[in-house]
């Protein structure tokens, strides 16, 4: 999917719910144009709406993504399956001794994230937080995580608006071990997960407390 309808889906993914007028302002098109696109998205069952209660005036409706709408955005289930098969086939009895199923999954996702972050070792050697963040954001964008980053109150916040492994993450947040370790490894800082789609949040958010020099480097 391309063009305006994709932009509508992406905006609803970020904002959770939005009115026609709100979408028109955000996307920069006339409300009538937005309504036509919403009609098509509703027909395809990618968006739905609910009435916003108002004391006076005409009724207003807020639109939101259906599960099919979420799944219509970029996903990487085939890539995830390939990585899992490759990594699990390399496990030895020693690797999995005394581990239960969840422990093995966490181990596998940690190893997967380490393999990805190792690709950037030479590029990141001796580099500061600003370069590391740029490298991380580039990787996350290429992998369709739709990332956003901001520094607020001495903390770095990274929000992932799209999960390429959404249905898997909804079933088990163990898959989020991959994101957590990858972000921490590339940035070379301690990361905490603050929000997760598995827990009903609109996206996954990770934070890191930064030193004054790191904040200054990201603010310059």
N, C-alpha and C. Protein backbone atom coordinates (compact mmCIF):
# COMPACT_ATOMS: atom_id res chain seq x y z
N UNK A 1 0.84 -1.19 0.00
CA UNK A 1 0.00 0.00 0.00
C UNK A 1 0.88 1.24 0.00
N UNK A 2 0.47 2.25 -0.77
CA UNK A 2 1.25 3.47 -0.86
C UNK A 2 0.32 4.68 -0.75
N UNK A 3 0.92 5.86 -0.66
CA UNK A 3 0.18 7.10 -0.74
C UNK A 3 -0.60 7.45 0.50
N UNK A 4 -1.73 8.12 0.27
CA UNK A 4 -2.50 8.71 1.37
C UNK A 4 -3.03 7.67 2.33
N UNK A 5 -3.52 6.54 1.82
CA UNK A 5 -4.08 5.54 2.72
C UNK A 5 -3.02 4.96 3.65
N UNK A 6 -1.81 4.79 3.13
CA UNK A 6 -0.72 4.33 3.99
C UNK A 6 -0.41 5.37 5.05
N UNK A 7 -0.41 6.64 4.68
CA UNK A 7 -0.14 7.71 5.65
C UNK A 7 -1.22 7.75 6.72
N UNK A 8 -2.47 7.48 6.33
CA UNK A 8 -3.56 7.44 7.32
C UNK A 8 -3.33 6.30 8.30
N UNK A 9 -2.99 5.13 7.78
CA UNK A 9 -2.74 3.98 8.65
C UNK A 9 -1.58 4.26 9.60
N UNK A 10 -0.52 4.85 9.09
CA UNK A 10 0.64 5.14 9.93
C UNK A 10 0.30 6.17 11.00
N UNK A 11 -0.50 7.16 10.64
CA UNK A 11 -0.89 8.16 11.63
C UNK A 11 -1.78 7.55 12.71
N UNK A 12 -2.72 6.71 12.31
CA UNK A 12 -3.59 6.06 13.30
C UNK A 12 -2.80 5.10 14.19
N UNK A 13 -1.76 4.51 13.64
CA UNK A 13 -0.91 3.64 14.45
C UNK A 13 -0.22 4.45 15.54
N UNK A 14 0.15 5.67 15.21
CA UNK A 14 0.85 6.54 16.16
C UNK A 14 -0.11 7.19 17.14
N UNK A 15 -1.25 7.65 16.63
CA UNK A 15 -2.18 8.43 17.46
C UNK A 15 -3.29 7.59 18.08
N UNK A 16 -3.38 6.32 17.71
CA UNK A 16 -4.37 5.37 18.23
C UNK A 16 -5.76 5.64 17.65
N UNK A 17 -6.24 6.87 17.83
CA UNK A 17 -7.55 7.21 17.28
C UNK A 17 -7.51 8.68 16.87
N UNK A 18 -8.30 9.00 15.85
CA UNK A 18 -8.26 10.35 15.32
C UNK A 18 -9.54 10.64 14.57
N UNK A 19 -9.96 11.91 14.59
CA UNK A 19 -11.14 12.33 13.84
C UNK A 19 -10.74 12.66 12.40
N UNK A 20 -11.75 12.84 11.56
CA UNK A 20 -11.48 13.23 10.17
C UNK A 20 -10.73 14.55 10.13
N UNK A 21 -11.19 15.52 10.93
CA UNK A 21 -10.52 16.82 10.93
C UNK A 21 -9.08 16.70 11.43
N UNK A 22 -8.86 15.86 12.43
CA UNK A 22 -7.51 15.67 12.93
C UNK A 22 -6.61 15.05 11.89
N UNK A 23 -7.13 14.06 11.16
CA UNK A 23 -6.36 13.44 10.08
C UNK A 23 -6.09 14.43 8.95
N UNK A 24 -7.07 15.26 8.66
CA UNK A 24 -6.90 16.25 7.59
C UNK A 24 -5.76 17.20 7.91
N UNK A 25 -5.69 17.66 9.17
CA UNK A 25 -4.62 18.57 9.58
C UNK A 25 -3.27 17.86 9.56
N UNK A 26 -3.24 16.65 10.09
CA UNK A 26 -1.98 15.90 10.18
C UNK A 26 -1.41 15.57 8.81
N UNK A 27 -2.27 15.22 7.86
CA UNK A 27 -1.81 14.76 6.55
C UNK A 27 -1.79 15.88 5.52
N UNK A 28 -2.54 16.96 5.81
CA UNK A 28 -2.51 18.11 4.92
C UNK A 28 -3.43 17.99 3.72
N UNK A 29 -4.57 17.33 3.91
CA UNK A 29 -5.56 17.19 2.84
C UNK A 29 -6.92 17.64 3.34
N UNK A 30 -7.82 17.88 2.42
CA UNK A 30 -9.16 18.31 2.78
C UNK A 30 -9.92 17.19 3.49
N UNK A 31 -10.79 17.52 4.46
CA UNK A 31 -11.57 16.49 5.14
C UNK A 31 -12.35 15.58 4.19
N UNK A 32 -12.89 16.15 3.11
CA UNK A 32 -13.66 15.33 2.16
C UNK A 32 -12.76 14.26 1.53
N UNK A 33 -11.51 14.62 1.24
CA UNK A 33 -10.57 13.66 0.66
C UNK A 33 -10.25 12.56 1.66
N UNK A 34 -10.05 12.97 2.91
CA UNK A 34 -9.77 12.00 3.97
C UNK A 34 -10.94 11.03 4.12
N UNK A 35 -12.16 11.54 4.08
CA UNK A 35 -13.34 10.67 4.22
C UNK A 35 -13.38 9.62 3.12
N UNK A 36 -13.04 10.01 1.90
CA UNK A 36 -13.08 9.06 0.79
C UNK A 36 -12.07 7.92 1.03
N UNK A 37 -10.90 8.28 1.49
CA UNK A 37 -9.90 7.26 1.77
C UNK A 37 -10.32 6.38 2.96
N UNK A 38 -10.93 6.99 3.97
CA UNK A 38 -11.40 6.22 5.12
C UNK A 38 -12.49 5.24 4.72
N UNK A 39 -13.33 5.64 3.78
CA UNK A 39 -14.39 4.73 3.30
C UNK A 39 -13.77 3.46 2.70
N UNK A 40 -12.70 3.65 1.94
CA UNK A 40 -12.03 2.50 1.32
C UNK A 40 -11.36 1.64 2.39
N UNK A 41 -10.72 2.28 3.36
CA UNK A 41 -10.05 1.55 4.43
C UNK A 41 -11.06 0.79 5.29
N UNK A 42 -12.23 1.38 5.51
CA UNK A 42 -13.29 0.68 6.24
C UNK A 42 -13.80 -0.51 5.43
N UNK A 43 -13.99 -0.29 4.14
CA UNK A 43 -14.45 -1.38 3.28
C UNK A 43 -13.49 -2.57 3.35
N UNK A 44 -12.20 -2.26 3.42
CA UNK A 44 -11.19 -3.32 3.49
C UNK A 44 -10.95 -3.80 4.92
N UNK A 45 -11.73 -3.27 5.86
CA UNK A 45 -11.68 -3.66 7.26
C UNK A 45 -10.32 -3.39 7.92
N UNK A 46 -9.69 -2.33 7.46
CA UNK A 46 -8.40 -1.94 8.04
C UNK A 46 -8.56 -0.88 9.12
N UNK A 47 -9.66 -0.12 9.06
CA UNK A 47 -9.97 0.85 10.11
C UNK A 47 -11.43 0.68 10.52
N UNK A 48 -11.71 1.12 11.72
CA UNK A 48 -13.08 1.14 12.23
C UNK A 48 -13.27 2.47 12.95
N UNK A 49 -14.47 2.74 13.40
CA UNK A 49 -14.71 4.02 14.05
C UNK A 49 -15.70 3.84 15.20
N UNK A 50 -15.68 4.80 16.09
CA UNK A 50 -16.67 4.87 17.16
C UNK A 50 -17.10 6.32 17.33
N UNK A 51 -18.32 6.50 17.79
CA UNK A 51 -18.84 7.86 17.95
C UNK A 51 -18.22 8.54 19.17
N UNK A 52 -17.86 9.79 18.99
CA UNK A 52 -17.37 10.61 20.09
C UNK A 52 -18.56 11.38 20.65
N UNK A 53 -18.87 11.17 21.90
CA UNK A 53 -20.03 11.81 22.50
C UNK A 53 -19.79 13.31 22.68
N UNK A 54 -20.72 14.09 22.18
CA UNK A 54 -20.66 15.55 22.34
C UNK A 54 -22.01 16.03 22.86
N UNK A 55 -21.97 17.09 23.68
CA UNK A 55 -23.21 17.61 24.25
C UNK A 55 -24.07 18.29 23.20
N UNK A 56 -23.42 18.96 22.26
CA UNK A 56 -24.17 19.68 21.23
C UNK A 56 -23.51 19.46 19.87
N UNK A 57 -24.24 19.83 18.81
CA UNK A 57 -23.68 19.77 17.47
C UNK A 57 -23.81 18.40 16.83
N UNK A 58 -23.26 18.32 15.65
CA UNK A 58 -23.30 17.07 14.88
C UNK A 58 -22.43 16.01 15.54
N UNK A 59 -22.82 14.75 15.43
CA UNK A 59 -21.98 13.68 16.00
C UNK A 59 -20.63 13.63 15.30
N UNK A 60 -19.62 13.24 16.05
CA UNK A 60 -18.27 13.14 15.51
C UNK A 60 -17.76 11.72 15.74
N UNK A 61 -16.87 11.28 14.88
CA UNK A 61 -16.39 9.90 14.96
C UNK A 61 -14.86 9.88 15.01
N UNK A 62 -14.35 8.97 15.81
CA UNK A 62 -12.90 8.78 15.86
C UNK A 62 -12.58 7.44 15.20
N UNK A 63 -11.54 7.44 14.42
CA UNK A 63 -11.14 6.26 13.66
C UNK A 63 -9.91 5.61 14.30
N UNK A 64 -9.83 4.29 14.18
CA UNK A 64 -8.72 3.56 14.76
C UNK A 64 -8.41 2.33 13.90
N UNK A 65 -7.22 1.80 14.07
CA UNK A 65 -6.82 0.62 13.30
C UNK A 65 -7.46 -0.65 13.86
N UNK A 66 -7.95 -1.48 12.98
CA UNK A 66 -8.33 -2.82 13.38
C UNK A 66 -7.06 -3.68 13.45
N UNK A 67 -7.19 -4.90 13.93
CA UNK A 67 -6.03 -5.78 13.95
C UNK A 67 -5.53 -6.03 12.53
N UNK A 68 -6.48 -6.14 11.57
CA UNK A 68 -6.08 -6.30 10.17
C UNK A 68 -5.32 -5.08 9.69
N UNK A 69 -5.71 -3.90 10.18
CA UNK A 69 -5.00 -2.67 9.83
C UNK A 69 -3.58 -2.69 10.34
N UNK A 70 -3.39 -3.13 11.57
CA UNK A 70 -2.03 -3.26 12.12
C UNK A 70 -1.21 -4.23 11.28
N UNK A 71 -1.83 -5.34 10.93
CA UNK A 71 -1.10 -6.38 10.20
C UNK A 71 -0.82 -5.98 8.75
N UNK A 72 -1.53 -4.97 8.24
CA UNK A 72 -1.29 -4.53 6.86
C UNK A 72 -0.02 -3.70 6.75
N UNK A 73 0.47 -3.18 7.87
CA UNK A 73 1.71 -2.43 7.88
C UNK A 73 2.89 -3.40 7.85
N UNK A 74 4.09 -2.94 7.50
CA UNK A 74 5.21 -3.88 7.24
C UNK A 74 5.45 -4.88 8.37
N UNK A 75 5.55 -6.13 8.00
CA UNK A 75 5.82 -7.21 8.96
C UNK A 75 6.96 -8.08 8.45
N UNK A 76 7.60 -8.78 9.37
CA UNK A 76 8.76 -9.58 8.99
C UNK A 76 8.74 -10.97 9.59
N UNK A 77 7.58 -11.62 9.53
CA UNK A 77 7.45 -12.95 10.13
C UNK A 77 8.35 -13.98 9.45
N UNK A 78 8.49 -13.87 8.13
CA UNK A 78 9.34 -14.83 7.43
C UNK A 78 10.80 -14.66 7.84
N UNK A 79 11.21 -13.40 8.01
CA UNK A 79 12.59 -13.14 8.44
C UNK A 79 12.82 -13.65 9.85
N UNK A 80 11.84 -13.41 10.72
CA UNK A 80 11.95 -13.88 12.10
C UNK A 80 12.05 -15.40 12.15
N UNK A 81 11.22 -16.08 11.36
CA UNK A 81 11.26 -17.55 11.34
C UNK A 81 12.62 -18.04 10.87
N UNK A 82 13.15 -17.42 9.84
CA UNK A 82 14.45 -17.83 9.34
C UNK A 82 15.55 -17.66 10.38
N UNK A 83 15.53 -16.52 11.09
CA UNK A 83 16.54 -16.28 12.12
C UNK A 83 16.41 -17.28 13.26
N UNK A 84 15.16 -17.56 13.65
CA UNK A 84 14.94 -18.50 14.75
C UNK A 84 15.42 -19.91 14.41
N UNK A 85 15.09 -20.36 13.21
CA UNK A 85 15.50 -21.71 12.80
C UNK A 85 17.03 -21.80 12.79
N UNK A 86 17.67 -20.80 12.25
CA UNK A 86 19.14 -20.80 12.17
C UNK A 86 19.76 -20.80 13.56
N UNK A 87 19.23 -19.95 14.45
CA UNK A 87 19.83 -19.84 15.78
C UNK A 87 19.54 -21.07 16.64
N UNK A 88 18.33 -21.58 16.57
CA UNK A 88 17.99 -22.74 17.39
C UNK A 88 18.75 -23.98 16.94
N UNK A 89 19.04 -24.08 15.65
CA UNK A 89 19.79 -25.24 15.16
C UNK A 89 21.23 -25.22 15.65
N UNK A 90 21.70 -24.06 16.11
CA UNK A 90 23.08 -23.96 16.58
C UNK A 90 23.19 -24.19 18.09
N UNK A 91 22.07 -24.34 18.79
CA UNK A 91 22.10 -24.56 20.23
C UNK A 91 22.66 -25.95 20.55
N UNK A 92 23.39 -26.03 21.63
CA UNK A 92 23.94 -27.30 22.08
C UNK A 92 23.26 -27.72 23.38
N UNK A 93 23.36 -28.98 23.78
CA UNK A 93 22.81 -29.40 25.07
C UNK A 93 23.34 -28.56 26.23
N UNK A 94 24.59 -28.15 26.13
CA UNK A 94 25.17 -27.32 27.18
C UNK A 94 24.49 -25.96 27.25
N UNK A 95 24.15 -25.40 26.08
CA UNK A 95 23.48 -24.09 26.04
C UNK A 95 22.13 -24.13 26.75
N UNK A 96 21.42 -25.24 26.63
CA UNK A 96 20.03 -25.30 27.10
C UNK A 96 19.86 -26.10 28.38
N UNK A 97 20.96 -26.51 28.99
CA UNK A 97 20.88 -27.34 30.20
C UNK A 97 20.10 -26.61 31.30
N UNK A 98 19.10 -27.28 31.84
CA UNK A 98 18.27 -26.79 32.96
C UNK A 98 17.43 -25.57 32.60
N UNK A 99 17.28 -25.28 31.32
CA UNK A 99 16.44 -24.16 30.90
C UNK A 99 15.06 -24.65 30.50
N UNK A 100 14.03 -23.86 30.88
CA UNK A 100 12.69 -24.20 30.40
C UNK A 100 12.44 -23.51 29.06
N UNK A 101 11.24 -23.66 28.54
CA UNK A 101 10.95 -23.13 27.21
C UNK A 101 11.15 -21.64 27.10
N UNK A 102 10.63 -20.87 28.06
CA UNK A 102 10.78 -19.42 28.02
C UNK A 102 12.24 -19.01 28.13
N UNK A 103 12.98 -19.71 28.98
CA UNK A 103 14.40 -19.40 29.13
C UNK A 103 15.15 -19.62 27.81
N UNK A 104 14.80 -20.69 27.12
CA UNK A 104 15.45 -20.97 25.84
C UNK A 104 15.11 -19.89 24.81
N UNK A 105 13.84 -19.46 24.79
CA UNK A 105 13.45 -18.40 23.86
C UNK A 105 14.20 -17.11 24.15
N UNK A 106 14.30 -16.75 25.43
CA UNK A 106 15.04 -15.53 25.78
C UNK A 106 16.51 -15.65 25.37
N UNK A 107 17.07 -16.82 25.59
CA UNK A 107 18.46 -17.04 25.17
C UNK A 107 18.61 -16.86 23.66
N UNK A 108 17.69 -17.44 22.90
CA UNK A 108 17.76 -17.35 21.44
C UNK A 108 17.64 -15.90 20.99
N UNK A 109 16.68 -15.15 21.55
CA UNK A 109 16.51 -13.76 21.13
C UNK A 109 17.69 -12.89 21.54
N UNK A 110 18.30 -13.19 22.69
CA UNK A 110 19.51 -12.45 23.07
C UNK A 110 20.63 -12.72 22.08
N UNK A 111 20.77 -13.97 21.69
CA UNK A 111 21.82 -14.33 20.73
C UNK A 111 21.55 -13.70 19.36
N UNK A 112 20.29 -13.67 18.96
CA UNK A 112 19.94 -13.04 17.69
C UNK A 112 20.28 -11.56 17.70
N UNK A 113 19.93 -10.86 18.77
CA UNK A 113 20.22 -9.43 18.85
C UNK A 113 21.72 -9.18 18.87
N UNK A 114 22.47 -10.08 19.52
CA UNK A 114 23.93 -9.93 19.55
C UNK A 114 24.51 -10.07 18.16
N UNK A 115 23.98 -11.02 17.38
CA UNK A 115 24.48 -11.21 16.01
C UNK A 115 24.25 -9.94 15.17
N UNK A 116 23.08 -9.33 15.35
CA UNK A 116 22.78 -8.12 14.58
C UNK A 116 23.68 -6.97 15.03
N UNK A 117 23.80 -6.76 16.32
CA UNK A 117 24.60 -5.63 16.81
C UNK A 117 26.08 -5.80 16.45
N UNK A 118 26.55 -7.04 16.37
CA UNK A 118 27.95 -7.28 16.02
C UNK A 118 28.28 -6.80 14.61
N UNK A 119 27.28 -6.69 13.74
CA UNK A 119 27.53 -6.18 12.39
C UNK A 119 28.06 -4.75 12.43
N UNK A 120 27.73 -4.02 13.51
CA UNK A 120 28.10 -2.62 13.59
C UNK A 120 29.32 -2.38 14.49
N UNK A 121 29.95 -3.44 14.97
CA UNK A 121 31.06 -3.28 15.90
C UNK A 121 32.18 -2.40 15.35
N UNK A 122 32.61 -2.67 14.13
CA UNK A 122 33.71 -1.89 13.56
C UNK A 122 33.31 -0.43 13.36
N UNK A 123 32.08 -0.23 12.88
CA UNK A 123 31.60 1.13 12.63
C UNK A 123 31.48 1.94 13.91
N UNK A 124 31.12 1.28 15.01
CA UNK A 124 30.82 1.98 16.25
C UNK A 124 32.00 2.05 17.22
N UNK A 125 33.08 1.36 16.91
CA UNK A 125 34.23 1.33 17.82
C UNK A 125 34.72 2.75 18.10
N UNK A 126 34.72 3.13 19.38
CA UNK A 126 35.21 4.44 19.79
C UNK A 126 34.28 5.60 19.50
N UNK A 127 33.07 5.33 19.00
CA UNK A 127 32.14 6.41 18.65
C UNK A 127 31.23 6.74 19.82
N UNK A 128 30.76 7.99 19.85
CA UNK A 128 29.93 8.48 20.93
C UNK A 128 28.47 8.18 20.74
N UNK A 129 27.65 8.66 21.69
CA UNK A 129 26.23 8.35 21.72
C UNK A 129 25.49 8.87 20.50
N UNK A 130 25.88 10.04 19.98
CA UNK A 130 25.17 10.62 18.83
C UNK A 130 25.30 9.72 17.61
N UNK A 131 26.50 9.25 17.33
CA UNK A 131 26.72 8.36 16.18
C UNK A 131 26.02 7.03 16.42
N UNK A 132 26.08 6.53 17.63
CA UNK A 132 25.43 5.26 17.94
C UNK A 132 23.92 5.35 17.77
N UNK A 133 23.33 6.47 18.21
CA UNK A 133 21.89 6.64 18.05
C UNK A 133 21.51 6.72 16.58
N UNK A 134 22.29 7.45 15.79
CA UNK A 134 22.01 7.56 14.36
C UNK A 134 22.08 6.18 13.69
N UNK A 135 23.06 5.39 14.09
CA UNK A 135 23.19 4.03 13.54
C UNK A 135 21.99 3.18 13.94
N UNK A 136 21.60 3.26 15.20
CA UNK A 136 20.45 2.49 15.67
C UNK A 136 19.18 2.88 14.93
N UNK A 137 18.93 4.19 14.82
CA UNK A 137 17.70 4.64 14.17
C UNK A 137 17.67 4.21 12.70
N UNK A 138 18.83 4.26 12.05
CA UNK A 138 18.89 3.82 10.66
C UNK A 138 18.53 2.35 10.54
N UNK A 139 19.06 1.54 11.45
CA UNK A 139 18.74 0.11 11.42
C UNK A 139 17.25 -0.13 11.68
N UNK A 140 16.72 0.53 12.69
CA UNK A 140 15.30 0.33 13.03
C UNK A 140 14.38 0.80 11.91
N UNK A 141 14.76 1.86 11.23
CA UNK A 141 13.95 2.34 10.11
C UNK A 141 13.98 1.33 8.96
N UNK A 142 15.15 0.80 8.67
CA UNK A 142 15.25 -0.19 7.58
C UNK A 142 14.46 -1.44 7.89
N UNK A 143 14.34 -1.77 9.17
CA UNK A 143 13.60 -2.97 9.56
C UNK A 143 12.12 -2.68 9.85
N UNK A 144 11.67 -1.45 9.52
CA UNK A 144 10.25 -1.07 9.60
C UNK A 144 9.70 -1.05 11.02
N UNK A 145 10.51 -0.61 11.98
CA UNK A 145 10.01 -0.42 13.33
C UNK A 145 9.37 0.96 13.51
N UNK A 146 9.50 1.84 12.53
CA UNK A 146 8.98 3.21 12.59
C UNK A 146 9.42 3.88 13.90
N UNK A 147 10.73 4.03 14.12
CA UNK A 147 11.20 4.52 15.42
C UNK A 147 11.13 6.04 15.56
N UNK A 148 10.97 6.49 16.78
CA UNK A 148 11.09 7.90 17.14
C UNK A 148 11.98 7.99 18.36
N UNK A 149 12.80 9.03 18.44
CA UNK A 149 13.69 9.20 19.58
C UNK A 149 13.63 10.64 20.06
N UNK A 150 13.70 10.81 21.37
CA UNK A 150 13.76 12.15 21.95
C UNK A 150 14.52 12.09 23.27
N UNK A 151 15.12 13.23 23.61
CA UNK A 151 15.79 13.37 24.90
C UNK A 151 14.94 14.28 25.76
N UNK A 152 14.58 13.81 26.94
CA UNK A 152 13.73 14.58 27.85
C UNK A 152 14.16 14.31 29.28
N UNK A 153 14.46 15.38 30.01
CA UNK A 153 14.79 15.23 31.42
C UNK A 153 15.99 14.35 31.69
N UNK A 154 16.98 14.39 30.81
CA UNK A 154 18.16 13.57 31.03
C UNK A 154 18.02 12.13 30.61
N UNK A 155 16.91 11.79 29.98
CA UNK A 155 16.68 10.42 29.53
C UNK A 155 16.48 10.38 28.02
N UNK A 156 16.94 9.32 27.41
CA UNK A 156 16.68 9.07 26.00
C UNK A 156 15.50 8.13 25.89
N UNK A 157 14.51 8.52 25.11
CA UNK A 157 13.32 7.70 24.91
C UNK A 157 13.26 7.27 23.45
N UNK A 158 13.11 5.99 23.24
CA UNK A 158 12.98 5.45 21.90
C UNK A 158 11.65 4.72 21.81
N UNK A 159 10.79 5.20 20.91
CA UNK A 159 9.47 4.62 20.73
C UNK A 159 9.43 3.88 19.40
N UNK A 160 8.98 2.65 19.44
CA UNK A 160 8.82 1.84 18.23
C UNK A 160 7.33 1.79 17.90
N UNK A 161 6.93 2.49 16.85
CA UNK A 161 5.51 2.61 16.52
C UNK A 161 4.97 1.40 15.78
N UNK A 162 5.85 0.65 15.13
CA UNK A 162 5.43 -0.56 14.42
C UNK A 162 6.27 -1.73 14.90
N UNK A 163 5.63 -2.86 15.09
CA UNK A 163 6.37 -4.07 15.44
C UNK A 163 6.29 -5.04 14.27
N UNK A 164 7.42 -5.33 13.61
CA UNK A 164 7.40 -6.28 12.50
C UNK A 164 7.00 -7.68 12.92
N UNK A 165 7.03 -7.93 14.24
CA UNK A 165 6.70 -9.26 14.76
C UNK A 165 5.45 -9.18 15.65
N UNK A 166 4.52 -8.32 15.29
CA UNK A 166 3.41 -7.95 16.18
C UNK A 166 2.64 -9.13 16.74
N UNK A 167 2.14 -10.02 15.91
CA UNK A 167 1.30 -11.11 16.41
C UNK A 167 2.08 -12.03 17.34
N UNK A 168 3.38 -12.20 17.08
CA UNK A 168 4.21 -13.02 17.95
C UNK A 168 4.40 -12.32 19.30
N UNK A 169 4.65 -11.01 19.26
CA UNK A 169 4.85 -10.25 20.49
C UNK A 169 3.58 -10.20 21.32
N UNK A 170 2.42 -10.15 20.68
CA UNK A 170 1.16 -10.15 21.42
C UNK A 170 0.96 -11.47 22.16
N UNK A 171 1.45 -12.55 21.55
CA UNK A 171 1.32 -13.86 22.18
C UNK A 171 2.34 -14.06 23.30
N UNK A 172 3.54 -13.50 23.13
CA UNK A 172 4.60 -13.66 24.14
C UNK A 172 5.55 -12.48 24.05
N UNK A 173 5.73 -11.77 25.18
CA UNK A 173 6.64 -10.62 25.15
C UNK A 173 8.11 -11.04 25.20
N UNK A 174 8.37 -12.35 25.18
CA UNK A 174 9.75 -12.82 25.12
C UNK A 174 10.43 -12.31 23.86
N UNK A 175 9.68 -12.14 22.78
CA UNK A 175 10.26 -11.63 21.53
C UNK A 175 10.83 -10.23 21.73
N UNK A 176 10.31 -9.49 22.70
CA UNK A 176 10.80 -8.14 22.95
C UNK A 176 12.20 -8.14 23.54
N UNK A 177 12.68 -9.30 23.99
CA UNK A 177 14.06 -9.42 24.42
C UNK A 177 15.00 -9.01 23.30
N UNK A 178 14.60 -9.29 22.08
CA UNK A 178 15.41 -8.93 20.91
C UNK A 178 15.60 -7.42 20.83
N UNK A 179 14.49 -6.66 20.88
CA UNK A 179 14.57 -5.20 20.79
C UNK A 179 15.38 -4.62 21.94
N UNK A 180 15.08 -5.07 23.14
CA UNK A 180 15.73 -4.55 24.34
C UNK A 180 17.24 -4.70 24.26
N UNK A 181 17.70 -5.90 23.93
CA UNK A 181 19.14 -6.15 23.88
C UNK A 181 19.80 -5.45 22.70
N UNK A 182 19.12 -5.41 21.57
CA UNK A 182 19.69 -4.77 20.39
C UNK A 182 19.91 -3.28 20.63
N UNK A 183 18.89 -2.61 21.18
CA UNK A 183 19.00 -1.17 21.43
C UNK A 183 20.11 -0.89 22.44
N UNK A 184 20.15 -1.67 23.53
CA UNK A 184 21.18 -1.47 24.54
C UNK A 184 22.57 -1.73 24.00
N UNK A 185 22.72 -2.75 23.15
CA UNK A 185 24.03 -3.10 22.61
C UNK A 185 24.55 -2.04 21.65
N UNK A 186 23.72 -1.56 20.76
CA UNK A 186 24.17 -0.57 19.79
C UNK A 186 24.46 0.76 20.47
N UNK A 187 23.62 1.16 21.44
CA UNK A 187 23.85 2.42 22.13
C UNK A 187 24.94 2.32 23.19
N UNK A 188 25.20 1.10 23.65
CA UNK A 188 26.17 0.86 24.73
C UNK A 188 25.75 1.56 26.02
N UNK A 189 24.46 1.47 26.34
CA UNK A 189 23.91 2.01 27.58
C UNK A 189 22.92 1.01 28.14
N UNK A 190 22.57 1.19 29.42
CA UNK A 190 21.55 0.34 30.04
C UNK A 190 20.17 0.82 29.60
N UNK A 191 19.35 -0.11 29.14
CA UNK A 191 18.02 0.21 28.60
C UNK A 191 16.94 -0.43 29.46
N UNK A 192 15.85 0.32 29.65
CA UNK A 192 14.69 -0.19 30.36
C UNK A 192 13.47 -0.11 29.45
N UNK A 193 12.69 -1.18 29.41
CA UNK A 193 11.45 -1.16 28.63
C UNK A 193 10.34 -0.55 29.48
N UNK A 194 9.74 0.53 28.99
CA UNK A 194 8.69 1.23 29.73
C UNK A 194 7.29 0.90 29.22
N UNK A 195 7.17 0.60 27.93
CA UNK A 195 5.87 0.27 27.34
C UNK A 195 6.05 -0.91 26.40
N UNK A 196 4.98 -1.68 26.22
CA UNK A 196 5.05 -2.86 25.36
C UNK A 196 3.67 -3.15 24.79
N UNK A 197 3.60 -3.45 23.50
CA UNK A 197 2.30 -3.76 22.91
C UNK A 197 1.68 -5.00 23.54
N UNK A 198 2.52 -5.88 24.07
CA UNK A 198 2.01 -7.09 24.73
C UNK A 198 1.15 -6.71 25.93
N UNK A 199 1.46 -5.58 26.55
CA UNK A 199 0.72 -5.13 27.74
C UNK A 199 -0.42 -4.18 27.40
N UNK A 200 -0.70 -4.02 26.11
CA UNK A 200 -1.80 -3.16 25.69
C UNK A 200 -1.39 -1.76 25.31
N UNK A 201 -0.12 -1.44 25.34
CA UNK A 201 0.35 -0.12 24.93
C UNK A 201 0.32 0.00 23.42
N UNK A 202 0.29 1.24 22.93
CA UNK A 202 0.19 1.46 21.49
C UNK A 202 1.49 1.15 20.76
N UNK A 203 2.59 1.18 21.47
CA UNK A 203 3.89 0.85 20.90
C UNK A 203 4.84 0.48 22.01
N UNK A 204 6.02 0.05 21.64
CA UNK A 204 7.02 -0.29 22.65
C UNK A 204 7.94 0.91 22.86
N UNK A 205 8.23 1.23 24.13
CA UNK A 205 9.10 2.36 24.41
C UNK A 205 10.21 1.93 25.35
N UNK A 206 11.42 2.36 25.01
CA UNK A 206 12.60 2.03 25.80
C UNK A 206 13.27 3.33 26.24
N UNK A 207 13.79 3.36 27.45
CA UNK A 207 14.44 4.56 27.96
C UNK A 207 15.83 4.23 28.50
N UNK A 208 16.68 5.24 28.49
CA UNK A 208 18.03 5.13 29.04
C UNK A 208 18.37 6.43 29.74
N UNK A 209 18.88 6.35 30.95
CA UNK A 209 19.35 7.53 31.65
C UNK A 209 20.73 7.90 31.12
N UNK A 210 20.91 9.18 30.77
CA UNK A 210 22.14 9.63 30.15
C UNK A 210 22.91 10.57 31.07
N UNK A 211 24.21 10.63 30.88
CA UNK A 211 25.04 11.60 31.58
C UNK A 211 24.95 12.96 30.90
N UNK A 212 25.47 13.98 31.56
CA UNK A 212 25.38 15.34 31.02
C UNK A 212 26.07 15.45 29.67
N UNK A 213 27.24 14.82 29.51
CA UNK A 213 27.96 14.89 28.25
C UNK A 213 27.17 14.22 27.13
N UNK A 214 26.50 13.10 27.46
CA UNK A 214 25.72 12.40 26.44
C UNK A 214 24.52 13.25 26.02
N UNK A 215 23.85 13.88 27.00
CA UNK A 215 22.72 14.75 26.68
C UNK A 215 23.18 15.90 25.78
N UNK A 216 24.32 16.50 26.14
CA UNK A 216 24.85 17.61 25.35
C UNK A 216 25.17 17.16 23.92
N UNK A 217 25.73 15.96 23.80
CA UNK A 217 26.09 15.45 22.47
C UNK A 217 24.85 15.26 21.60
N UNK A 218 23.76 14.83 22.20
CA UNK A 218 22.54 14.60 21.44
C UNK A 218 21.76 15.89 21.20
N UNK A 219 22.05 16.92 21.97
CA UNK A 219 21.34 18.19 21.84
C UNK A 219 22.04 19.14 20.90
N UNK A 220 23.29 18.85 20.56
CA UNK A 220 24.06 19.77 19.71
C UNK A 220 23.71 19.60 18.23
